[in-house]
Amino acid sequence: MLELFDERHDAHVLYSYDETHNYIDQVVAFSKHGIKTGDYVILIENPRLSPKILAELKIQLTEQQMEFIHFVKSYDFYYSSGSYHPPAIQAYFEKMIEPYLEEQATFRSWVHVEWETSR
């Protein structure tokens, strides 16, 4: 997956997972790769997983590198208007990235999407 980001800077990837530890490994690898290439990293993540991801990032990154990581609660992101409303989500995202665009800073985002599956 990380090679794709070296080739394309506008890639959109769907990463499906079964094991939480594998998921965390992928988020950390994605973040480290972004910082290595000079990107800010926006992690729109479930608050249940954020502390685990943060702990692993703090082990693998310096304090200076951690300044490039920005966490956003996925619930706040998806339900910023009070319900799941795609135009509101887009507006929230645009407002969130505005400072990066103004400074012409490069960034990448990781967005955790959850949905219930029937079994």
PDB file of N, CA and C in Angstrom:
ATOM      1  N   MET A   1       0.818  -1.187   0.000  1.00  0.00           N
ATOM      2  CA  MET A   1       0.000   0.000   0.000  1.00  0.00           C
ATOM      3  C   MET A   1       0.867   1.257   0.000  1.00  0.00           C
ATOM      4  N   LEU A   2       1.947   1.272   0.770  1.00  0.00           N
ATOM      5  CA  LEU A   2       2.752   2.487   0.879  1.00  0.00           C
ATOM      6  C   LEU A   2       3.425   2.847  -0.440  1.00  0.00           C
ATOM      7  N   GLU A   3       3.747   1.861  -1.266  1.00  0.00           N
ATOM      8  CA  GLU A   3       4.349   2.137  -2.565  1.00  0.00           C
ATOM      9  C   GLU A   3       3.392   2.939  -3.439  1.00  0.00           C
ATOM     10  N   LEU A   4       2.105   2.671  -3.295  1.00  0.00           N
ATOM     11  CA  LEU A   4       1.091   3.410  -4.046  1.00  0.00           C
ATOM     12  C   LEU A   4       1.181   4.897  -3.734  1.00  0.00           C
ATOM     13  N   PHE A   5       1.424   5.242  -2.482  1.00  0.00           N
ATOM     14  CA  PHE A   5       1.503   6.647  -2.094  1.00  0.00           C
ATOM     15  C   PHE A   5       2.775   7.305  -2.619  1.00  0.00           C
ATOM     16  N   ASP A   6       3.816   6.520  -2.882  1.00  0.00           N
ATOM     17  CA  ASP A   6       5.012   7.077  -3.498  1.00  0.00           C
ATOM     18  C   ASP A   6       4.740   7.454  -4.955  1.00  0.00           C
ATOM     19  N   GLU A   7       3.899   6.648  -5.608  1.00  0.00           N
ATOM     20  CA  GLU A   7       3.609   6.873  -7.024  1.00  0.00           C
ATOM     21  C   GLU A   7       2.520   7.915  -7.242  1.00  0.00           C
ATOM     22  N   ARG A   8       1.508   7.907  -6.384  1.00  0.00           N
ATOM     23  CA  ARG A   8       0.353   8.796  -6.557  1.00  0.00           C
ATOM     24  C   ARG A   8       0.095   9.538  -5.260  1.00  0.00           C
ATOM     25  N   HIS A   9      -0.160  10.809  -5.388  1.00  0.00           N
ATOM     26  CA  HIS A   9      -0.431  11.617  -4.203  1.00  0.00           C
ATOM     27  C   HIS A   9      -1.919  11.912  -4.042  1.00  0.00           C
ATOM     28  N   ASP A  10      -2.729  11.284  -4.888  1.00  0.00           N
ATOM     29  CA  ASP A  10      -4.170  11.504  -4.815  1.00  0.00           C
ATOM     30  C   ASP A  10      -4.918  10.174  -4.699  1.00  0.00           C
ATOM     31  N   ALA A  11      -4.262   9.196  -4.118  1.00  0.00           N
ATOM     32  CA  ALA A  11      -4.853   7.862  -4.016  1.00  0.00           C
ATOM     33  C   ALA A  11      -5.895   7.794  -2.915  1.00  0.00           C
ATOM     34  N   HIS A  12      -6.883   6.974  -3.132  1.00  0.00           N
ATOM     35  CA  HIS A  12      -7.922   6.702  -2.141  1.00  0.00           C
ATOM     36  C   HIS A  12      -7.946   5.182  -1.980  1.00  0.00           C
ATOM     37  N   VAL A  13      -7.688   4.705  -0.777  1.00  0.00           N
ATOM     38  CA  VAL A  13      -7.549   3.272  -0.531  1.00  0.00           C
ATOM     39  C   VAL A  13      -8.590   2.811   0.470  1.00  0.00           C
ATOM     40  N   LEU A  14      -9.205   1.695   0.194  1.00  0.00           N
ATOM     41  CA  LEU A  14     -10.088   1.050   1.160  1.00  0.00           C
ATOM     42  C   LEU A  14      -9.301  -0.099   1.767  1.00  0.00           C
ATOM     43  N   TYR A  15      -9.085  -0.022   3.069  1.00  0.00           N
ATOM     44  CA  TYR A  15      -8.340  -1.068   3.784  1.00  0.00           C
ATOM     45  C   TYR A  15      -9.312  -1.773   4.709  1.00  0.00           C
ATOM     46  N   SER A  16      -9.593  -3.014   4.407  1.00  0.00           N
ATOM     47  CA  SER A  16     -10.487  -3.827   5.221  1.00  0.00           C
ATOM     48  C   SER A  16      -9.633  -4.691   6.147  1.00  0.00           C
ATOM     49  N   TYR A  17     -10.108  -4.909   7.356  1.00  0.00           N
ATOM     50  CA  TYR A  17      -9.305  -5.674   8.307  1.00  0.00           C
ATOM     51  C   TYR A  17     -10.195  -6.504   9.225  1.00  0.00           C
ATOM     52  N   ASP A  18      -9.589  -7.529   9.797  1.00  0.00           N
ATOM     53  CA  ASP A  18     -10.265  -8.372  10.780  1.00  0.00           C
ATOM     54  C   ASP A  18      -9.623  -8.261  12.151  1.00  0.00           C
ATOM     55  N   GLU A  19      -8.339  -8.062  12.201  1.00  0.00           N
ATOM     56  CA  GLU A  19      -7.590  -8.030  13.452  1.00  0.00           C
ATOM     57  C   GLU A  19      -7.178  -6.600  13.805  1.00  0.00           C
ATOM     58  N   THR A  20      -7.529  -6.158  14.990  1.00  0.00           N
ATOM     59  CA  THR A  20      -7.237  -4.788  15.402  1.00  0.00           C
ATOM     60  C   THR A  20      -5.749  -4.489  15.386  1.00  0.00           C
ATOM     61  N   HIS A  21      -4.923  -5.427  15.823  1.00  0.00           N
ATOM     62  CA  HIS A  21      -3.480  -5.132  15.857  1.00  0.00           C
ATOM     63  C   HIS A  21      -2.933  -4.918  14.448  1.00  0.00           C
ATOM     64  N   ASN A  22      -3.463  -5.639  13.448  1.00  0.00           N
ATOM     65  CA  ASN A  22      -3.033  -5.417  12.062  1.00  0.00           C
ATOM     66  C   ASN A  22      -3.458  -4.028  11.586  1.00  0.00           C
ATOM     67  N   TYR A  23      -4.657  -3.643  11.980  1.00  0.00           N
ATOM     68  CA  TYR A  23      -5.161  -2.316  11.621  1.00  0.00           C
ATOM     69  C   TYR A  23      -4.252  -1.231  12.208  1.00  0.00           C
ATOM     70  N   ILE A  24      -3.928  -1.348  13.469  1.00  0.00           N
ATOM     71  CA  ILE A  24      -3.065  -0.359  14.120  1.00  0.00           C
ATOM     72  C   ILE A  24      -1.705  -0.310  13.438  1.00  0.00           C
ATOM     73  N   ASP A  25      -1.160  -1.469  13.093  1.00  0.00           N
ATOM     74  CA  ASP A  25       0.121  -1.504  12.371  1.00  0.00           C
ATOM     75  C   ASP A  25       0.030  -0.723  11.060  1.00  0.00           C
ATOM     76  N   GLN A  26      -1.083  -0.850  10.344  1.00  0.00           N
ATOM     77  CA  GLN A  26      -1.250  -0.149   9.076  1.00  0.00           C
ATOM     78  C   GLN A  26      -1.379   1.362   9.284  1.00  0.00           C
ATOM     79  N   VAL A  27      -2.131   1.774  10.293  1.00  0.00           N
ATOM     80  CA  VAL A  27      -2.272   3.212  10.580  1.00  0.00           C
ATOM     81  C   VAL A  27      -0.908   3.810  10.922  1.00  0.00           C
ATOM     82  N   VAL A  28      -0.146   3.106  11.731  1.00  0.00           N
ATOM     83  CA  VAL A  28       1.179   3.594  12.134  1.00  0.00           C
ATOM     84  C   VAL A  28       2.110   3.649  10.928  1.00  0.00           C
ATOM     85  N   ALA A  29       2.106   2.630  10.096  1.00  0.00           N
ATOM     86  CA  ALA A  29       2.951   2.623   8.897  1.00  0.00           C
ATOM     87  C   ALA A  29       2.566   3.770   7.955  1.00  0.00           C
ATOM     88  N   PHE A  30       1.277   3.968   7.764  1.00  0.00           N
ATOM     89  CA  PHE A  30       0.774   5.056   6.928  1.00  0.00           C
ATOM     90  C   PHE A  30       1.258   6.408   7.484  1.00  0.00           C
ATOM     91  N   SER A  31       1.159   6.582   8.788  1.00  0.00           N
ATOM     92  CA  SER A  31       1.566   7.831   9.432  1.00  0.00           C
ATOM     93  C   SER A  31       3.061   8.061   9.309  1.00  0.00           C
ATOM     94  N   LYS A  32       3.841   7.050   9.600  1.00  0.00           N
ATOM     95  CA  LYS A  32       5.297   7.173   9.505  1.00  0.00           C
ATOM     96  C   LYS A  32       5.726   7.489   8.075  1.00  0.00           C
ATOM     97  N   HIS A  33       5.104   6.836   7.113  1.00  0.00           N
ATOM     98  CA  HIS A  33       5.427   7.078   5.710  1.00  0.00           C
ATOM     99  C   HIS A  33       5.106   8.533   5.345  1.00  0.00           C
ATOM    100  N   GLY A  34       3.979   9.026   5.824  1.00  0.00           N
ATOM    101  CA  GLY A  34       3.617  10.410   5.544  1.00  0.00           C
ATOM    102  C   GLY A  34       4.610  11.397   6.114  1.00  0.00           C
ATOM    103  N   ILE A  35       5.006  11.181   7.341  1.00  0.00           N
ATOM    104  CA  ILE A  35       5.964  12.082   7.982  1.00  0.00           C
ATOM    105  C   ILE A  35       7.304  12.017   7.254  1.00  0.00           C
ATOM    106  N   LYS A  36       7.706  10.827   6.855  1.00  0.00           N
ATOM    107  CA  LYS A  36       8.963  10.643   6.117  1.00  0.00           C
ATOM    108  C   LYS A  36       8.963  11.455   4.822  1.00  0.00           C
ATOM    109  N   THR A  37       7.800  11.570   4.189  1.00  0.00           N
ATOM    110  CA  THR A  37       7.710  12.316   2.931  1.00  0.00           C
ATOM    111  C   THR A  37       7.367  13.792   3.144  1.00  0.00           C
ATOM    112  N   GLY A  38       7.263  14.222   4.417  1.00  0.00           N
ATOM    113  CA  GLY A  38       7.028  15.624   4.714  1.00  0.00           C
ATOM    114  C   GLY A  38       5.570  16.022   4.842  1.00  0.00           C
ATOM    115  N   ASP A  39       4.677  15.043   4.935  1.00  0.00           N
ATOM    116  CA  ASP A  39       3.249  15.323   5.051  1.00  0.00           C
ATOM    117  C   ASP A  39       2.821  15.473   6.509  1.00  0.00           C
ATOM    118  N   TYR A  40       1.812  16.298   6.727  1.00  0.00           N
ATOM    119  CA  TYR A  40       1.059  16.245   7.963  1.00  0.00           C
ATOM    120  C   TYR A  40       0.121  15.050   7.841  1.00  0.00           C
ATOM    121  N   VAL A  41      -0.258  14.480   8.960  1.00  0.00           N
ATOM    122  CA  VAL A  41      -1.115  13.297   8.946  1.00  0.00           C
ATOM    123  C   VAL A  41      -2.345  13.570   9.796  1.00  0.00           C
ATOM    124  N   ILE A  42      -3.509  13.486   9.160  1.00  0.00           N
ATOM    125  CA  ILE A  42      -4.787  13.669   9.844  1.00  0.00           C
ATOM    126  C   ILE A  42      -5.390  12.283  10.033  1.00  0.00           C
ATOM    127  N   LEU A  43      -5.575  11.882  11.280  1.00  0.00           N
ATOM    128  CA  LEU A  43      -6.148  10.573  11.591  1.00  0.00           C
ATOM    129  C   LEU A  43      -7.550  10.779  12.141  1.00  0.00           C
ATOM    130  N   ILE A  44      -8.538  10.468  11.334  1.00  0.00           N
ATOM    131  CA  ILE A  44      -9.939  10.556  11.748  1.00  0.00           C
ATOM    132  C   ILE A  44     -10.294   9.169  12.242  1.00  0.00           C
ATOM    133  N   GLU A  45     -10.347   9.045  13.551  1.00  0.00           N
ATOM    134  CA  GLU A  45     -10.310   7.717  14.162  1.00  0.00           C
ATOM    135  C   GLU A  45     -11.327   7.555  15.284  1.00  0.00           C
ATOM    136  N   ASN A  46     -11.687   6.333  15.486  1.00  0.00           N
ATOM    137  CA  ASN A  46     -12.575   5.938  16.575  1.00  0.00           C
ATOM    138  C   ASN A  46     -11.860   6.168  17.909  1.00  0.00           C
ATOM    139  N   PRO A  47     -12.486   6.855  18.861  1.00  0.00           N
ATOM    140  CA  PRO A  47     -11.836   7.110  20.144  1.00  0.00           C
ATOM    141  C   PRO A  47     -11.453   5.841  20.914  1.00  0.00           C
ATOM    142  N   ARG A  48     -12.063   4.739  20.600  1.00  0.00           N
ATOM    143  CA  ARG A  48     -11.702   3.471  21.225  1.00  0.00           C
ATOM    144  C   ARG A  48     -10.306   3.011  20.784  1.00  0.00           C
ATOM    145  N   LEU A  49      -9.940   3.323  19.530  1.00  0.00           N
ATOM    146  CA  LEU A  49      -8.647   2.900  18.997  1.00  0.00           C
ATOM    147  C   LEU A  49      -7.571   3.983  19.069  1.00  0.00           C
ATOM    148  N   SER A  50      -7.980   5.227  19.141  1.00  0.00           N
ATOM    149  CA  SER A  50      -7.014   6.330  19.136  1.00  0.00           C
ATOM    150  C   SER A  50      -5.922   6.200  20.200  1.00  0.00           C
ATOM    151  N   PRO A  51      -6.261   5.857  21.460  1.00  0.00           N
ATOM    152  CA  PRO A  51      -5.188   5.744  22.465  1.00  0.00           C
ATOM    153  C   PRO A  51      -4.166   4.658  22.115  1.00  0.00           C
ATOM    154  N   LYS A  52      -4.617   3.567  21.527  1.00  0.00           N
ATOM    155  CA  LYS A  52      -3.693   2.494  21.145  1.00  0.00           C
ATOM    156  C   LYS A  52      -2.789   2.936  20.003  1.00  0.00           C
ATOM    157  N   ILE A  53      -3.373   3.631  19.042  1.00  0.00           N
ATOM    158  CA  ILE A  53      -2.585   4.139  17.915  1.00  0.00           C
ATOM    159  C   ILE A  53      -1.596   5.195  18.411  1.00  0.00           C
ATOM    160  N   LEU A  54      -2.069   6.102  19.242  1.00  0.00           N
ATOM    161  CA  LEU A  54      -1.212   7.147  19.790  1.00  0.00           C
ATOM    162  C   LEU A  54      -0.045   6.556  20.569  1.00  0.00           C
ATOM    163  N   ALA A  55      -0.310   5.560  21.375  1.00  0.00           N
ATOM    164  CA  ALA A  55       0.757   4.921  22.154  1.00  0.00           C
ATOM    165  C   ALA A  55       1.826   4.333  21.243  1.00  0.00           C
ATOM    166  N   GLU A  56       1.398   3.677  20.185  1.00  0.00           N
ATOM    167  CA  GLU A  56       2.360   3.069  19.251  1.00  0.00           C
ATOM    168  C   GLU A  56       3.133   4.144  18.490  1.00  0.00           C
ATOM    169  N   LEU A  57       2.452   5.204  18.084  1.00  0.00           N
ATOM    170  CA  LEU A  57       3.144   6.295  17.395  1.00  0.00           C
ATOM    171  C   LEU A  57       4.193   6.937  18.295  1.00  0.00           C
ATOM    172  N   LYS A  58       3.869   7.118  19.580  1.00  0.00           N
ATOM    173  CA  LYS A  58       4.826   7.728  20.509  1.00  0.00           C
ATOM    174  C   LYS A  58       6.062   6.861  20.711  1.00  0.00           C
ATOM    175  N   ILE A  59       5.906   5.562  20.554  1.00  0.00           N
ATOM    176  CA  ILE A  59       7.055   4.662  20.642  1.00  0.00           C
ATOM    177  C   ILE A  59       7.951   4.817  19.411  1.00  0.00           C
ATOM    178  N   GLN A  60       7.328   4.991  18.255  1.00  0.00           N
ATOM    179  CA  GLN A  60       8.071   4.937  16.997  1.00  0.00           C
ATOM    180  C   GLN A  60       8.464   6.305  16.420  1.00  0.00           C
ATOM    181  N   LEU A  61       7.899   7.372  16.959  1.00  0.00           N
ATOM    182  CA  LEU A  61       8.200   8.699  16.437  1.00  0.00           C
ATOM    183  C   LEU A  61       8.789   9.588  17.523  1.00  0.00           C
ATOM    184  N   THR A  62       9.521  10.594  17.086  1.00  0.00           N
ATOM    185  CA  THR A  62      10.057  11.572  18.025  1.00  0.00           C
ATOM    186  C   THR A  62       8.959  12.578  18.374  1.00  0.00           C
ATOM    187  N   GLU A  63       9.202  13.375  19.407  1.00  0.00           N
ATOM    188  CA  GLU A  63       8.244  14.424  19.773  1.00  0.00           C
ATOM    189  C   GLU A  63       8.047  15.398  18.616  1.00  0.00           C
ATOM    190  N   GLN A  64       9.122  15.728  17.935  1.00  0.00           N
ATOM    191  CA  GLN A  64       9.034  16.643  16.798  1.00  0.00           C
ATOM    192  C   GLN A  64       8.181  16.035  15.683  1.00  0.00           C
ATOM    193  N   GLN A  65       8.360  14.758  15.403  1.00  0.00           N
ATOM    194  CA  GLN A  65       7.554  14.093  14.386  1.00  0.00           C
ATOM    195  C   GLN A  65       6.080  14.015  14.799  1.00  0.00           C
ATOM    196  N   MET A  66       5.833  13.841  16.089  1.00  0.00           N
ATOM    197  CA  MET A  66       4.448  13.762  16.573  1.00  0.00           C
ATOM    198  C   MET A  66       3.675  15.054  16.317  1.00  0.00           C
ATOM    199  N   GLU A  67       4.381  16.172  16.148  1.00  0.00           N
ATOM    200  CA  GLU A  67       3.707  17.434  15.856  1.00  0.00           C
ATOM    201  C   GLU A  67       3.016  17.415  14.494  1.00  0.00           C
ATOM    202  N   PHE A  68       3.366  16.455  13.652  1.00  0.00           N
ATOM    203  CA  PHE A  68       2.763  16.328  12.330  1.00  0.00           C
ATOM    204  C   PHE A  68       1.504  15.466  12.346  1.00  0.00           C
ATOM    205  N   ILE A  69       1.183  14.890  13.506  1.00  0.00           N
ATOM    206  CA  ILE A  69       0.016  14.019  13.648  1.00  0.00           C
ATOM    207  C   ILE A  69      -1.136  14.809  14.258  1.00  0.00           C
ATOM    208  N   HIS A  70      -2.305  14.688  13.648  1.00  0.00           N
ATOM    209  CA  HIS A  70      -3.498  15.369  14.164  1.00  0.00           C
ATOM    210  C   HIS A  70      -4.641  14.355  14.222  1.00  0.00           C
ATOM    211  N   PHE A  71      -5.177  14.127  15.419  1.00  0.00           N
ATOM    212  CA  PHE A  71      -6.298  13.203  15.606  1.00  0.00           C
ATOM    213  C   PHE A  71      -7.620  13.966  15.579  1.00  0.00           C
ATOM    214  N   VAL A  72      -8.612  13.368  14.950  1.00  0.00           N
ATOM    215  CA  VAL A  72      -9.979  13.879  14.935  1.00  0.00           C
ATOM    216  C   VAL A  72     -10.883  12.703  15.298  1.00  0.00           C
ATOM    217  N   LYS A  73     -11.838  12.936  16.190  1.00  0.00           N
ATOM    218  CA  LYS A  73     -12.768  11.869  16.559  1.00  0.00           C
ATOM    219  C   LYS A  73     -13.692  11.577  15.374  1.00  0.00           C
ATOM    220  N   SER A  74     -13.762  10.320  14.994  1.00  0.00           N
ATOM    221  CA  SER A  74     -14.571   9.955  13.831  1.00  0.00           C
ATOM    222  C   SER A  74     -16.043  10.317  14.022  1.00  0.00           C
ATOM    223  N   TYR A  75     -16.535  10.202  15.245  1.00  0.00           N
ATOM    224  CA  TYR A  75     -17.934  10.554  15.497  1.00  0.00           C
ATOM    225  C   TYR A  75     -18.168  12.036  15.219  1.00  0.00           C
ATOM    226  N   ASP A  76     -17.251  12.891  15.671  1.00  0.00           N
ATOM    227  CA  ASP A  76     -17.362  14.326  15.405  1.00  0.00           C
ATOM    228  C   ASP A  76     -17.334  14.598  13.900  1.00  0.00           C
ATOM    229  N   PHE A  77     -16.497  13.862  13.202  1.00  0.00           N
ATOM    230  CA  PHE A  77     -16.347  14.040  11.764  1.00  0.00           C
ATOM    231  C   PHE A  77     -17.622  13.655  11.012  1.00  0.00           C
ATOM    232  N   TYR A  78     -18.137  12.477  11.303  1.00  0.00           N
ATOM    233  CA  TYR A  78     -19.287  11.965  10.558  1.00  0.00           C
ATOM    234  C   TYR A  78     -20.619  12.567  10.984  1.00  0.00           C
ATOM    235  N   TYR A  79     -20.704  12.997  12.221  1.00  0.00           N
ATOM    236  CA  TYR A  79     -21.981  13.503  12.716  1.00  0.00           C
ATOM    237  C   TYR A  79     -21.897  14.966  13.139  1.00  0.00           C
ATOM    238  N   SER A  80     -21.084  15.738  12.426  1.00  0.00           N
ATOM    239  CA  SER A  80     -20.894  17.146  12.772  1.00  0.00           C
ATOM    240  C   SER A  80     -22.191  17.954  12.659  1.00  0.00           C
ATOM    241  N   SER A  81     -23.121  17.478  11.839  1.00  0.00           N
ATOM    242  CA  SER A  81     -24.392  18.194  11.686  1.00  0.00           C
ATOM    243  C   SER A  81     -25.499  17.579  12.530  1.00  0.00           C
ATOM    244  N   GLY A  82     -25.165  16.569  13.329  1.00  0.00           N
ATOM    245  CA  GLY A  82     -26.165  15.905  14.158  1.00  0.00           C
ATOM    246  C   GLY A  82     -26.636  14.592  13.582  1.00  0.00           C
ATOM    247  N   SER A  83     -26.352  14.360  12.316  1.00  0.00           N
ATOM    248  CA  SER A  83     -26.667  13.083  11.683  1.00  0.00           C
ATOM    249  C   SER A  83     -25.687  12.879  10.528  1.00  0.00           C
ATOM    250  N   TYR A  84     -25.658  11.684  10.021  1.00  0.00           N
ATOM    251  CA  TYR A  84     -24.771  11.404   8.884  1.00  0.00           C
ATOM    252  C   TYR A  84     -25.313  12.130   7.659  1.00  0.00           C
ATOM    253  N   HIS A  85     -24.617  13.184   7.258  1.00  0.00           N
ATOM    254  CA  HIS A  85     -25.066  14.015   6.146  1.00  0.00           C
ATOM    255  C   HIS A  85     -23.833  14.353   5.288  1.00  0.00           C
ATOM    256  N   PRO A  86     -23.670  13.680   4.123  1.00  0.00           N
ATOM    257  CA  PRO A  86     -22.450  13.858   3.323  1.00  0.00           C
ATOM    258  C   PRO A  86     -22.051  15.303   3.035  1.00  0.00           C
ATOM    259  N   PRO A  87     -22.960  16.214   2.679  1.00  0.00           N
ATOM    260  CA  PRO A  87     -22.503  17.599   2.464  1.00  0.00           C
ATOM    261  C   PRO A  87     -21.903  18.233   3.729  1.00  0.00           C
ATOM    262  N   ALA A  88     -22.455  17.909   4.893  1.00  0.00           N
ATOM    263  CA  ALA A  88     -21.905  18.437   6.146  1.00  0.00           C
ATOM    264  C   ALA A  88     -20.532  17.826   6.431  1.00  0.00           C
ATOM    265  N   ILE A  89     -20.368  16.560   6.119  1.00  0.00           N
ATOM    266  CA  ILE A  89     -19.075  15.893   6.301  1.00  0.00           C
ATOM    267  C   ILE A  89     -18.030  16.545   5.409  1.00  0.00           C
ATOM    268  N   GLN A  90     -18.389  16.799   4.164  1.00  0.00           N
ATOM    269  CA  GLN A  90     -17.459  17.442   3.238  1.00  0.00           C
ATOM    270  C   GLN A  90     -17.094  18.842   3.732  1.00  0.00           C
ATOM    271  N   ALA A  91     -18.075  19.595   4.190  1.00  0.00           N
ATOM    272  CA  ALA A  91     -17.812  20.942   4.702  1.00  0.00           C
ATOM    273  C   ALA A  91     -16.895  20.893   5.924  1.00  0.00           C
ATOM    274  N   TYR A  92     -17.134  19.923   6.818  1.00  0.00           N
ATOM    275  CA  TYR A  92     -16.293  19.750   8.003  1.00  0.00           C
ATOM    276  C   TYR A  92     -14.850  19.465   7.583  1.00  0.00           C
ATOM    277  N   PHE A  93     -14.681  18.569   6.609  1.00  0.00           N
ATOM    278  CA  PHE A  93     -13.344  18.212   6.133  1.00  0.00           C
ATOM    279  C   PHE A  93     -12.662  19.424   5.499  1.00  0.00           C
ATOM    280  N   GLU A  94     -13.381  20.142   4.667  1.00  0.00           N
ATOM    281  CA  GLU A  94     -12.797  21.319   4.012  1.00  0.00           C
ATOM    282  C   GLU A  94     -12.347  22.357   5.031  1.00  0.00           C
ATOM    283  N   LYS A  95     -13.165  22.576   6.065  1.00  0.00           N
ATOM    284  CA  LYS A  95     -12.775  23.529   7.108  1.00  0.00           C
ATOM    285  C   LYS A  95     -11.555  23.018   7.879  1.00  0.00           C
ATOM    286  N   MET A  96     -11.502  21.708   8.105  1.00  0.00           N
ATOM    287  CA  MET A  96     -10.410  21.104   8.847  1.00  0.00           C
ATOM    288  C   MET A  96      -9.072  21.233   8.102  1.00  0.00           C
ATOM    289  N   ILE A  97      -9.097  21.109   6.783  1.00  0.00           N
ATOM    290  CA  ILE A  97      -7.847  21.148   6.015  1.00  0.00           C
ATOM    291  C   ILE A  97      -7.469  22.559   5.563  1.00  0.00           C
ATOM    292  N   GLU A  98      -8.341  23.508   5.799  1.00  0.00           N
ATOM    293  CA  GLU A  98      -8.087  24.881   5.370  1.00  0.00           C
ATOM    294  C   GLU A  98      -6.714  25.412   5.807  1.00  0.00           C
ATOM    295  N   PRO A  99      -6.305  25.226   7.070  1.00  0.00           N
ATOM    296  CA  PRO A  99      -4.979  25.724   7.469  1.00  0.00           C
ATOM    297  C   PRO A  99      -3.828  25.094   6.672  1.00  0.00           C
ATOM    298  N   TYR A 100      -3.952  23.829   6.319  1.00  0.00           N
ATOM    299  CA  TYR A 100      -2.914  23.165   5.519  1.00  0.00           C
ATOM    300  C   TYR A 100      -2.866  23.765   4.113  1.00  0.00           C
ATOM    301  N   LEU A 101      -4.038  24.007   3.542  1.00  0.00           N
ATOM    302  CA  LEU A 101      -4.101  24.586   2.205  1.00  0.00           C
ATOM    303  C   LEU A 101      -3.555  26.004   2.192  1.00  0.00           C
ATOM    304  N   GLU A 102      -3.898  26.787   3.213  1.00  0.00           N
ATOM    305  CA  GLU A 102      -3.416  28.164   3.294  1.00  0.00           C
ATOM    306  C   GLU A 102      -1.899  28.226   3.371  1.00  0.00           C
ATOM    307  N   GLU A 103      -1.318  27.266   4.064  1.00  0.00           N
ATOM    308  CA  GLU A 103       0.146  27.235   4.201  1.00  0.00           C
ATOM    309  C   GLU A 103       0.817  26.437   3.100  1.00  0.00           C
ATOM    310  N   GLN A 104       0.020  25.939   2.167  1.00  0.00           N
ATOM    311  CA  GLN A 104       0.503  25.096   1.073  1.00  0.00           C
ATOM    312  C   GLN A 104       1.282  23.895   1.605  1.00  0.00           C
ATOM    313  N   ALA A 105       0.819  23.375   2.721  1.00  0.00           N
ATOM    314  CA  ALA A 105       1.440  22.197   3.337  1.00  0.00           C
ATOM    315  C   ALA A 105       0.798  20.944   2.750  1.00  0.00           C
ATOM    316  N   THR A 106       1.597  19.922   2.588  1.00  0.00           N
ATOM    317  CA  THR A 106       1.043  18.659   2.118  1.00  0.00           C
ATOM    318  C   THR A 106       0.539  17.867   3.315  1.00  0.00           C
ATOM    319  N   PHE A 107      -0.503  17.102   3.083  1.00  0.00           N
ATOM    320  CA  PHE A 107      -1.085  16.304   4.148  1.00  0.00           C
ATOM    321  C   PHE A 107      -1.706  15.054   3.551  1.00  0.00           C
ATOM    322  N   ARG A 108      -1.951  14.110   4.414  1.00  0.00           N
ATOM    323  CA  ARG A 108      -2.693  12.903   4.048  1.00  0.00           C
ATOM    324  C   ARG A 108      -3.659  12.617   5.180  1.00  0.00           C
ATOM    325  N   SER A 109      -4.750  11.957   4.840  1.00  0.00           N
ATOM    326  CA  SER A 109      -5.732  11.649   5.870  1.00  0.00           C
ATOM    327  C   SER A 109      -6.061  10.164   5.863  1.00  0.00           C
ATOM    328  N   TRP A 110      -6.305   9.665   7.047  1.00  0.00           N
ATOM    329  CA  TRP A 110      -6.738   8.292   7.270  1.00  0.00           C
ATOM    330  C   TRP A 110      -8.086   8.401   7.969  1.00  0.00           C
ATOM    331  N   VAL A 111      -9.101   7.811   7.385  1.00  0.00           N
ATOM    332  CA  VAL A 111     -10.442   7.940   7.936  1.00  0.00           C
ATOM    333  C   VAL A 111     -10.980   6.549   8.273  1.00  0.00           C
ATOM    334  N   HIS A 112     -11.312   6.362   9.518  1.00  0.00           N
ATOM    335  CA  HIS A 112     -11.865   5.088   9.982  1.00  0.00           C
ATOM    336  C   HIS A 112     -13.374   5.111   9.753  1.00  0.00           C
ATOM    337  N   VAL A 113     -13.826   4.196   8.925  1.00  0.00           N
ATOM    338  CA  VAL A 113     -15.249   4.056   8.629  1.00  0.00           C
ATOM    339  C   VAL A 113     -15.729   2.764   9.263  1.00  0.00           C
ATOM    340  N   GLU A 114     -16.783   2.858  10.046  1.00  0.00           N
ATOM    341  CA  GLU A 114     -17.350   1.654  10.671  1.00  0.00           C
ATOM    342  C   GLU A 114     -18.792   1.504  10.235  1.00  0.00           C
ATOM    343  N   TRP A 115     -19.194   0.271  10.050  1.00  0.00           N
ATOM    344  CA  TRP A 115     -20.602   0.002   9.818  1.00  0.00           C
ATOM    345  C   TRP A 115     -20.926  -1.385  10.332  1.00  0.00           C
ATOM    346  N   GLU A 116     -22.157  -1.542  10.686  1.00  0.00           N
ATOM    347  CA  GLU A 116     -22.605  -2.804  11.231  1.00  0.00           C
ATOM    348  C   GLU A 116     -22.797  -3.799  10.095  1.00  0.00           C
ATOM    349  N   THR A 117     -22.360  -5.008  10.334  1.00  0.00           N
ATOM    350  CA  THR A 117     -22.569  -6.065   9.342  1.00  0.00           C
ATOM    351  C   THR A 117     -23.535  -7.077   9.903  1.00  0.00           C
ATOM    352  N   SER A 118     -24.327  -7.636   9.041  1.00  0.00           N
ATOM    353  CA  SER A 118     -25.234  -8.682   9.492  1.00  0.00           C
ATOM    354  C   SER A 118     -24.508 -10.004   9.430  1.00  0.00           C
ATOM    355  N   ARG A 119     -24.718 -10.821  10.406  1.00  0.00           N
ATOM    356  CA  ARG A 119     -24.020 -12.109  10.456  1.00  0.00           C
ATOM    357  C   ARG A 119     -25.019 -13.219  10.474  1.00  0.00           C
TER     358      ARG A 119
END
